[in-house]
Amino acid sequence: MKKRFRLCKRGRAYYAFDSTNSQRVSLRTDQKEDAEKLLHAKNKATGKSGLGLALAKAYLGAYDEKLNHRTRQTVIDEFCSRGQPQTQAFRKRKLERKVYTPLRNKSLLEATAEDFRLILNAGGVMDHAILRSLHNLALGYGWLPWPVMPNKLWPSMHSVAFSVR
């Protein structure tokens, strides 16, 4: 079986050449051994879809032992413990709604943008603000290695302005 990625060097940096679309992606290293390990992981992950996440969990687990055991409920608890008592009560009340139930027990690494989109479509402006705050809190603490949904892909939410006559 032909490997999808090949190693190439340009200047001092190593790149992964993708044979499917003829593009080079930087491996962000100038060490050949590190580049070969990264390339091997990229090739291995393309063959089996579930293997990539398993490999990521294994490597990230060495970085942070609790990463594989943290759920979204951990982030919710931390979010609800911040601020004044009335703010904490408000946040707890909002996050007890059914719309957040599917997300509650999911691992931080297993939650996808599709899970977020379901909540954003079912909820309103406040749900959008709370979900984004939860996501930013997890990113800020370093509990997420990458954003679930990049900033540009968050849908814009506008509240309806009522006019008083």
N, C-alpha and C. Protein backbone atom coordinates (compact mmCIF):
# COMPACT_ATOMS: atom_id res chain seq x y z
N MET A 1 0.84 -1.18 0.00
CA MET A 1 0.00 0.00 0.00
C MET A 1 0.89 1.25 0.00
N LYS A 2 0.57 2.16 -0.86
CA LYS A 2 1.34 3.39 -0.99
C LYS A 2 1.00 4.34 0.16
N LYS A 3 2.04 4.92 0.74
CA LYS A 3 1.85 5.85 1.84
C LYS A 3 1.41 7.20 1.31
N ARG A 4 0.51 7.83 2.05
CA ARG A 4 -0.05 9.11 1.60
C ARG A 4 0.96 10.24 1.74
N PHE A 5 1.74 10.27 2.81
CA PHE A 5 2.67 11.36 3.07
C PHE A 5 4.11 10.91 2.87
N ARG A 6 4.90 11.79 2.27
CA ARG A 6 6.34 11.58 2.11
C ARG A 6 7.06 12.72 2.79
N LEU A 7 8.29 12.44 3.20
CA LEU A 7 9.10 13.45 3.86
C LEU A 7 9.88 14.24 2.83
N CYS A 8 9.87 15.55 2.95
CA CYS A 8 10.69 16.38 2.08
C CYS A 8 11.27 17.52 2.93
N LYS A 9 12.39 18.03 2.46
CA LYS A 9 13.10 19.06 3.21
C LYS A 9 13.27 20.27 2.31
N ARG A 10 13.03 21.42 2.88
CA ARG A 10 13.22 22.67 2.15
C ARG A 10 13.95 23.62 3.08
N GLY A 11 15.17 23.96 2.72
CA GLY A 11 16.00 24.75 3.63
C GLY A 11 16.37 23.87 4.82
N ARG A 12 16.06 24.35 6.01
CA ARG A 12 16.34 23.55 7.21
C ARG A 12 15.10 22.84 7.73
N ALA A 13 13.92 23.20 7.24
CA ALA A 13 12.67 22.67 7.76
C ALA A 13 12.22 21.43 6.99
N TYR A 14 11.54 20.53 7.71
CA TYR A 14 10.99 19.32 7.11
C TYR A 14 9.50 19.51 6.87
N TYR A 15 9.04 18.93 5.78
CA TYR A 15 7.64 19.01 5.37
C TYR A 15 7.09 17.63 5.09
N ALA A 16 5.77 17.50 5.22
CA ALA A 16 5.07 16.29 4.81
C ALA A 16 4.42 16.60 3.47
N PHE A 17 4.80 15.84 2.44
CA PHE A 17 4.23 16.04 1.11
C PHE A 17 3.05 15.10 0.98
N ASP A 18 1.88 15.66 0.73
CA ASP A 18 0.64 14.89 0.59
C ASP A 18 0.49 14.46 -0.86
N SER A 19 0.50 13.16 -1.11
CA SER A 19 0.44 12.66 -2.49
C SER A 19 -0.96 12.78 -3.10
N THR A 20 -1.99 12.98 -2.27
CA THR A 20 -3.34 13.09 -2.82
C THR A 20 -3.62 14.46 -3.43
N ASN A 21 -3.05 15.52 -2.85
CA ASN A 21 -3.33 16.85 -3.38
C ASN A 21 -2.06 17.64 -3.71
N SER A 22 -0.91 16.98 -3.62
CA SER A 22 0.40 17.58 -3.97
C SER A 22 0.71 18.84 -3.17
N GLN A 23 0.33 18.86 -1.91
CA GLN A 23 0.62 20.01 -1.06
C GLN A 23 1.62 19.61 0.01
N ARG A 24 2.42 20.59 0.42
CA ARG A 24 3.37 20.39 1.51
C ARG A 24 2.83 21.04 2.77
N VAL A 25 2.95 20.33 3.87
CA VAL A 25 2.55 20.85 5.18
C VAL A 25 3.77 20.79 6.08
N SER A 26 4.08 21.91 6.71
CA SER A 26 5.26 21.98 7.57
C SER A 26 5.10 21.07 8.79
N LEU A 27 6.15 20.36 9.13
CA LEU A 27 6.17 19.54 10.33
C LEU A 27 6.74 20.32 11.51
N ARG A 28 7.13 21.56 11.28
CA ARG A 28 7.61 22.50 12.30
C ARG A 28 8.80 21.96 13.09
N THR A 29 9.70 21.34 12.38
CA THR A 29 10.92 20.87 13.01
C THR A 29 12.06 20.86 12.01
N ASP A 30 13.27 20.94 12.53
CA ASP A 30 14.43 20.81 11.66
C ASP A 30 15.24 19.57 12.04
N GLN A 31 14.68 18.74 12.91
CA GLN A 31 15.31 17.48 13.32
C GLN A 31 14.72 16.33 12.51
N LYS A 32 15.57 15.58 11.83
CA LYS A 32 15.09 14.52 10.96
C LYS A 32 14.36 13.43 11.74
N GLU A 33 14.85 13.05 12.91
CA GLU A 33 14.20 12.00 13.70
C GLU A 33 12.79 12.39 14.09
N ASP A 34 12.62 13.63 14.55
CA ASP A 34 11.29 14.11 14.93
C ASP A 34 10.36 14.16 13.72
N ALA A 35 10.89 14.60 12.59
CA ALA A 35 10.09 14.69 11.37
C ALA A 35 9.63 13.30 10.92
N GLU A 36 10.50 12.31 11.03
CA GLU A 36 10.13 10.95 10.64
C GLU A 36 9.05 10.38 11.56
N LYS A 37 9.13 10.67 12.86
CA LYS A 37 8.11 10.21 13.80
C LYS A 37 6.76 10.86 13.49
N LEU A 38 6.78 12.16 13.22
CA LEU A 38 5.54 12.85 12.88
C LEU A 38 4.94 12.32 11.58
N LEU A 39 5.79 12.09 10.61
CA LEU A 39 5.33 11.57 9.32
C LEU A 39 4.75 10.17 9.48
N HIS A 40 5.41 9.34 10.28
CA HIS A 40 4.91 7.99 10.53
C HIS A 40 3.52 8.04 11.18
N ALA A 41 3.35 8.95 12.15
CA ALA A 41 2.05 9.10 12.81
C ALA A 41 0.99 9.56 11.83
N LYS A 42 1.34 10.49 10.93
CA LYS A 42 0.37 10.98 9.93
C LYS A 42 -0.05 9.85 9.00
N ASN A 43 0.90 9.06 8.54
CA ASN A 43 0.58 7.94 7.65
C ASN A 43 -0.24 6.88 8.36
N LYS A 44 0.09 6.61 9.60
CA LYS A 44 -0.63 5.59 10.36
C LYS A 44 -2.08 6.02 10.63
N ALA A 45 -2.27 7.30 10.91
CA ALA A 45 -3.60 7.81 11.23
C ALA A 45 -4.52 7.84 10.01
N THR A 46 -3.97 8.02 8.81
CA THR A 46 -4.82 8.08 7.62
C THR A 46 -5.38 6.71 7.25
N GLY A 47 -4.71 5.65 7.65
CA GLY A 47 -5.16 4.30 7.31
C GLY A 47 -6.37 3.87 8.12
N LYS A 48 -6.42 4.28 9.38
CA LYS A 48 -7.50 3.86 10.27
C LYS A 48 -8.05 5.10 10.97
N SER A 49 -9.33 5.35 10.79
CA SER A 49 -9.91 6.60 11.28
C SER A 49 -9.92 6.70 12.80
N GLY A 50 -10.22 5.64 13.52
CA GLY A 50 -10.29 5.69 14.97
C GLY A 50 -8.92 5.71 15.62
N LEU A 51 -7.91 5.33 14.88
CA LEU A 51 -6.57 5.25 15.45
C LEU A 51 -5.99 6.63 15.75
N GLY A 52 -6.32 7.62 14.94
CA GLY A 52 -5.78 8.96 15.14
C GLY A 52 -6.15 9.53 16.49
N LEU A 53 -7.42 9.41 16.88
CA LEU A 53 -7.86 9.91 18.18
C LEU A 53 -7.23 9.11 19.31
N ALA A 54 -7.10 7.80 19.12
CA ALA A 54 -6.48 6.97 20.15
C ALA A 54 -5.01 7.34 20.34
N LEU A 55 -4.31 7.58 19.24
CA LEU A 55 -2.91 8.01 19.34
C LEU A 55 -2.80 9.36 20.03
N ALA A 56 -3.69 10.28 19.66
CA ALA A 56 -3.67 11.60 20.28
C ALA A 56 -3.92 11.50 21.78
N LYS A 57 -4.87 10.66 22.18
CA LYS A 57 -5.15 10.49 23.61
C LYS A 57 -3.95 9.92 24.34
N ALA A 58 -3.27 8.97 23.71
CA ALA A 58 -2.10 8.35 24.34
C ALA A 58 -1.00 9.37 24.55
N TYR A 59 -0.71 10.16 23.53
CA TYR A 59 0.35 11.16 23.65
C TYR A 59 -0.04 12.29 24.59
N LEU A 60 -1.29 12.74 24.50
CA LEU A 60 -1.73 13.83 25.38
C LEU A 60 -1.87 13.36 26.82
N GLY A 61 -2.17 12.07 27.02
CA GLY A 61 -2.26 11.51 28.36
C GLY A 61 -0.92 11.58 29.08
N ALA A 62 0.16 11.47 28.32
CA ALA A 62 1.49 11.59 28.93
C ALA A 62 1.75 13.04 29.35
N TYR A 63 1.17 13.98 28.64
CA TYR A 63 1.32 15.40 28.95
C TYR A 63 0.48 15.79 30.17
N ASP A 64 -0.76 15.31 30.22
CA ASP A 64 -1.68 15.63 31.30
C ASP A 64 -2.48 14.36 31.62
N GLU A 65 -2.20 13.75 32.78
CA GLU A 65 -2.82 12.47 33.13
C GLU A 65 -4.35 12.56 33.22
N LYS A 66 -4.86 13.70 33.64
CA LYS A 66 -6.31 13.85 33.85
C LYS A 66 -7.07 14.16 32.56
N LEU A 67 -6.36 14.42 31.49
CA LEU A 67 -7.00 14.86 30.25
C LEU A 67 -8.02 13.84 29.73
N ASN A 68 -7.68 12.57 29.77
CA ASN A 68 -8.58 11.54 29.24
C ASN A 68 -9.77 11.28 30.16
N HIS A 69 -9.72 11.76 31.41
CA HIS A 69 -10.79 11.50 32.36
C HIS A 69 -11.69 12.71 32.60
N ARG A 70 -11.30 13.88 32.11
CA ARG A 70 -12.12 15.08 32.30
C ARG A 70 -13.32 15.03 31.35
N THR A 71 -14.47 15.39 31.90
CA THR A 71 -15.67 15.48 31.07
C THR A 71 -16.08 16.95 30.98
N ARG A 72 -17.07 17.20 30.16
CA ARG A 72 -17.60 18.57 30.07
C ARG A 72 -18.21 19.00 31.39
N GLN A 73 -18.66 18.03 32.21
CA GLN A 73 -19.23 18.37 33.51
C GLN A 73 -18.17 19.03 34.39
N THR A 74 -16.91 18.64 34.25
CA THR A 74 -15.82 19.26 35.01
C THR A 74 -15.73 20.75 34.66
N VAL A 75 -15.84 21.05 33.37
CA VAL A 75 -15.78 22.45 32.92
C VAL A 75 -17.00 23.20 33.42
N ILE A 76 -18.17 22.56 33.37
CA ILE A 76 -19.40 23.20 33.84
C ILE A 76 -19.29 23.52 35.33
N ASP A 77 -18.77 22.58 36.12
CA ASP A 77 -18.61 22.82 37.56
C ASP A 77 -17.66 23.98 37.83
N GLU A 78 -16.57 24.02 37.10
CA GLU A 78 -15.60 25.11 37.28
C GLU A 78 -16.23 26.45 36.87
N PHE A 79 -16.98 26.46 35.78
CA PHE A 79 -17.63 27.68 35.29
C PHE A 79 -18.64 28.19 36.31
N CYS A 80 -19.39 27.27 36.92
CA CYS A 80 -20.42 27.66 37.88
C CYS A 80 -19.84 28.09 39.22
N SER A 81 -18.59 27.79 39.47
CA SER A 81 -17.99 28.16 40.75
C SER A 81 -17.32 29.53 40.70
N ARG A 82 -17.34 30.17 39.56
CA ARG A 82 -16.68 31.47 39.39
C ARG A 82 -17.71 32.60 39.49
N GLY A 83 -17.27 33.75 40.00
CA GLY A 83 -18.14 34.92 40.05
C GLY A 83 -18.84 35.08 41.39
N GLN A 84 -19.73 36.07 41.45
CA GLN A 84 -20.51 36.36 42.65
C GLN A 84 -21.54 35.25 42.88
N PRO A 85 -22.06 35.11 44.10
CA PRO A 85 -23.04 34.05 44.39
C PRO A 85 -24.27 34.09 43.47
N GLN A 86 -24.77 35.29 43.17
CA GLN A 86 -25.94 35.36 42.28
C GLN A 86 -25.59 34.93 40.86
N THR A 87 -24.36 35.20 40.43
CA THR A 87 -23.91 34.77 39.10
C THR A 87 -23.78 33.25 39.08
N GLN A 88 -23.23 32.68 40.14
CA GLN A 88 -23.10 31.23 40.22
C GLN A 88 -24.46 30.55 40.16
N ALA A 89 -25.43 31.09 40.89
CA ALA A 89 -26.78 30.52 40.90
C ALA A 89 -27.41 30.61 39.51
N PHE A 90 -27.22 31.75 38.84
CA PHE A 90 -27.76 31.94 37.50
C PHE A 90 -27.16 30.92 36.52
N ARG A 91 -25.84 30.75 36.60
CA ARG A 91 -25.17 29.81 35.69
C ARG A 91 -25.63 28.38 35.94
N LYS A 92 -25.74 27.99 37.22
CA LYS A 92 -26.21 26.63 37.54
C LYS A 92 -27.61 26.40 37.01
N ARG A 93 -28.48 27.40 37.17
CA ARG A 93 -29.86 27.29 36.71
C ARG A 93 -29.91 27.12 35.18
N LYS A 94 -29.11 27.91 34.47
CA LYS A 94 -29.09 27.84 33.01
C LYS A 94 -28.53 26.51 32.51
N LEU A 95 -27.48 26.02 33.17
CA LEU A 95 -26.81 24.81 32.71
C LEU A 95 -27.53 23.52 33.12
N GLU A 96 -28.60 23.63 33.93
CA GLU A 96 -29.39 22.46 34.27
C GLU A 96 -30.43 22.13 33.20
N ARG A 97 -30.56 23.00 32.22
CA ARG A 97 -31.54 22.79 31.15
C ARG A 97 -31.22 21.54 30.34
N LYS A 98 -32.25 20.95 29.73
CA LYS A 98 -32.10 19.71 28.96
C LYS A 98 -31.19 19.85 27.75
N VAL A 99 -31.08 21.05 27.22
CA VAL A 99 -30.31 21.26 26.00
C VAL A 99 -28.83 20.89 26.21
N TYR A 100 -28.34 20.97 27.45
CA TYR A 100 -26.94 20.66 27.75
C TYR A 100 -26.71 19.20 28.13
N THR A 101 -27.75 18.41 28.28
CA THR A 101 -27.63 17.03 28.73
C THR A 101 -26.72 16.17 27.85
N PRO A 102 -26.84 16.21 26.52
CA PRO A 102 -25.97 15.35 25.70
C PRO A 102 -24.48 15.66 25.86
N LEU A 103 -24.16 16.86 26.22
CA LEU A 103 -22.76 17.29 26.31
C LEU A 103 -22.14 16.99 27.67
N ARG A 104 -22.99 16.87 28.68
CA ARG A 104 -22.55 16.79 30.07
C ARG A 104 -21.52 15.69 30.35
N ASN A 105 -21.78 14.46 29.96
CA ASN A 105 -20.93 13.33 30.32
C ASN A 105 -19.91 12.96 29.25
N LYS A 106 -19.82 13.75 28.20
CA LYS A 106 -18.83 13.48 27.16
C LYS A 106 -17.45 13.90 27.62
N SER A 107 -16.47 13.15 27.19
CA SER A 107 -15.08 13.51 27.46
C SER A 107 -14.77 14.81 26.73
N LEU A 108 -13.83 15.57 27.26
CA LEU A 108 -13.45 16.82 26.60
C LEU A 108 -12.93 16.57 25.19
N LEU A 109 -12.21 15.47 24.99
CA LEU A 109 -11.64 15.18 23.68
C LEU A 109 -12.65 14.62 22.70
N GLU A 110 -13.77 14.07 23.20
CA GLU A 110 -14.74 13.44 22.32
C GLU A 110 -15.86 14.38 21.86
N ALA A 111 -15.99 15.52 22.49
CA ALA A 111 -17.02 16.47 22.08
C ALA A 111 -16.63 17.07 20.73
N THR A 112 -17.60 17.17 19.83
CA THR A 112 -17.34 17.66 18.49
C THR A 112 -18.09 18.96 18.23
N ALA A 113 -17.76 19.58 17.12
CA ALA A 113 -18.45 20.80 16.73
C ALA A 113 -19.92 20.52 16.46
N GLU A 114 -20.24 19.31 16.02
CA GLU A 114 -21.65 18.95 15.77
C GLU A 114 -22.45 18.98 17.08
N ASP A 115 -21.84 18.53 18.18
CA ASP A 115 -22.51 18.61 19.49
C ASP A 115 -22.81 20.06 19.85
N PHE A 116 -21.84 20.93 19.59
CA PHE A 116 -22.04 22.35 19.87
C PHE A 116 -23.14 22.93 19.00
N ARG A 117 -23.16 22.55 17.73
CA ARG A 117 -24.16 23.09 16.80
C ARG A 117 -25.57 22.69 17.21
N LEU A 118 -25.74 21.48 17.75
CA LEU A 118 -27.06 21.05 18.21
C LEU A 118 -27.55 21.94 19.34
N ILE A 119 -26.66 22.27 20.26
CA ILE A 119 -27.03 23.15 21.38
C ILE A 119 -27.32 24.56 20.88
N LEU A 120 -26.48 25.05 19.97
CA LEU A 120 -26.66 26.41 19.46
C LEU A 120 -27.96 26.54 18.68
N ASN A 121 -28.35 25.50 17.95
CA ASN A 121 -29.60 25.55 17.18
C ASN A 121 -30.82 25.43 18.08
N ALA A 122 -30.70 24.68 19.17
CA ALA A 122 -31.84 24.49 20.07
C ALA A 122 -31.98 25.64 21.06
N GLY A 123 -30.89 26.32 21.35
CA GLY A 123 -30.92 27.37 22.37
C GLY A 123 -31.01 28.76 21.77
N GLY A 124 -30.86 29.72 22.64
CA GLY A 124 -30.93 31.11 22.22
C GLY A 124 -29.61 31.83 22.40
N VAL A 125 -29.68 33.13 22.52
CA VAL A 125 -28.50 33.97 22.64
C VAL A 125 -27.73 33.65 23.92
N MET A 126 -28.43 33.44 25.03
CA MET A 126 -27.76 33.15 26.30
C MET A 126 -27.05 31.80 26.24
N ASP A 127 -27.66 30.81 25.60
CA ASP A 127 -27.01 29.51 25.45
C ASP A 127 -25.74 29.63 24.62
N HIS A 128 -25.80 30.48 23.61
CA HIS A 128 -24.62 30.74 22.78
C HIS A 128 -23.50 31.33 23.64
N ALA A 129 -23.82 32.31 24.46
CA ALA A 129 -22.82 32.96 25.30
C ALA A 129 -22.24 32.00 26.33
N ILE A 130 -23.09 31.18 26.94
CA ILE A 130 -22.63 30.24 27.96
C ILE A 130 -21.76 29.16 27.33
N LEU A 131 -22.18 28.61 26.21
CA LEU A 131 -21.40 27.55 25.56
C LEU A 131 -20.03 28.07 25.13
N ARG A 132 -20.02 29.27 24.61
CA ARG A 132 -18.74 29.85 24.20
C ARG A 132 -17.85 30.12 25.41
N SER A 133 -18.43 30.55 26.52
CA SER A 133 -17.66 30.76 27.74
C SER A 133 -17.09 29.45 28.28
N LEU A 134 -17.89 28.38 28.23
CA LEU A 134 -17.39 27.06 28.65
C LEU A 134 -16.22 26.62 27.79
N HIS A 135 -16.36 26.81 26.49
CA HIS A 135 -15.31 26.42 25.56
C HIS A 135 -14.04 27.22 25.81
N ASN A 136 -14.18 28.53 25.99
CA ASN A 136 -13.02 29.38 26.23
C ASN A 136 -12.36 29.07 27.59
N LEU A 137 -13.16 28.70 28.58
CA LEU A 137 -12.60 28.34 29.88
C LEU A 137 -11.74 27.08 29.77
N ALA A 138 -12.25 26.07 29.06
CA ALA A 138 -11.49 24.83 28.88
C ALA A 138 -10.20 25.09 28.09
N LEU A 139 -10.28 25.93 27.08
CA LEU A 139 -9.07 26.29 26.32
C LEU A 139 -8.09 27.07 27.19
N GLY A 140 -8.60 27.99 27.97
CA GLY A 140 -7.75 28.82 28.82
C GLY A 140 -7.01 28.04 29.88
N TYR A 141 -7.65 27.03 30.44
CA TYR A 141 -7.00 26.19 31.45
C TYR A 141 -6.05 25.17 30.82
N GLY A 142 -6.07 25.06 29.50
CA GLY A 142 -5.22 24.07 28.84
C GLY A 142 -5.81 22.68 28.89
N TRP A 143 -7.10 22.58 29.18
CA TRP A 143 -7.76 21.28 29.24
C TRP A 143 -8.09 20.77 27.85
N LEU A 144 -8.14 21.66 26.86
CA LEU A 144 -8.35 21.27 25.47
C LEU A 144 -7.08 21.56 24.69
N PRO A 145 -6.58 20.58 23.94
CA PRO A 145 -5.36 20.83 23.17
C PRO A 145 -5.60 21.68 21.92
N TRP A 146 -6.84 21.74 21.45
CA TRP A 146 -7.18 22.54 20.27
C TRP A 146 -8.65 22.94 20.40
N PRO A 147 -9.06 24.01 19.73
CA PRO A 147 -10.47 24.42 19.81
C PRO A 147 -11.39 23.41 19.14
N VAL A 148 -12.55 23.17 19.75
CA VAL A 148 -13.55 22.30 19.15
C VAL A 148 -14.16 23.00 17.95
N MET A 149 -14.40 24.28 18.09
CA MET A 149 -14.95 25.09 17.01
C MET A 149 -14.14 26.39 16.95
N PRO A 150 -13.44 26.63 15.84
CA PRO A 150 -12.65 27.86 15.73
C PRO A 150 -13.53 29.10 15.81
N ASN A 151 -12.93 30.21 16.23
CA ASN A 151 -13.68 31.47 16.42
C ASN A 151 -14.49 31.87 15.19
N LYS A 152 -13.92 31.72 14.02
CA LYS A 152 -14.61 32.16 12.80
C LYS A 152 -15.85 31.32 12.49
N LEU A 153 -15.93 30.10 13.01
CA LEU A 153 -17.05 29.22 12.70
C LEU A 153 -18.19 29.29 13.70
N TRP A 154 -18.01 30.04 14.79
CA TRP A 154 -19.12 30.21 15.73
C TRP A 154 -20.17 31.05 15.03
N PRO A 155 -21.42 30.60 15.03
CA PRO A 155 -22.46 31.40 14.37
C PRO A 155 -22.70 32.69 15.15
N SER A 156 -23.00 33.74 14.43
CA SER A 156 -23.29 35.00 15.10
C SER A 156 -24.74 34.97 15.58
N MET A 157 -24.94 35.41 16.80
CA MET A 157 -26.27 35.41 17.39
C MET A 157 -26.66 36.85 17.67
N HIS A 158 -27.86 37.19 17.30
CA HIS A 158 -28.35 38.55 17.53
C HIS A 158 -29.66 38.46 18.29
N SER A 159 -29.74 39.25 19.32
CA SER A 159 -31.01 39.26 20.08
C SER A 159 -32.00 40.15 19.34
N VAL A 160 -33.23 39.86 19.51
CA VAL A 160 -34.28 40.64 18.86
C VAL A 160 -34.53 41.88 19.71
N ALA A 161 -34.44 43.03 19.10
CA ALA A 161 -34.69 44.29 19.82
C ALA A 161 -36.18 44.61 19.75
N PHE A 162 -36.74 44.88 20.89
CA PHE A 162 -38.15 45.24 20.96
C PHE A 162 -38.28 46.75 21.08
N SER A 163 -39.21 47.30 20.35
CA SER A 163 -39.41 48.75 20.46
C SER A 163 -40.66 49.00 21.29
N VAL A 164 -40.56 49.96 22.17
CA VAL A 164 -41.68 50.31 23.03
C VAL A 164 -42.39 51.52 22.43
N ARG A 165 -43.68 51.43 22.29
CA ARG A 165 -44.43 52.54 21.70
C ARG A 165 -45.25 53.24 22.71
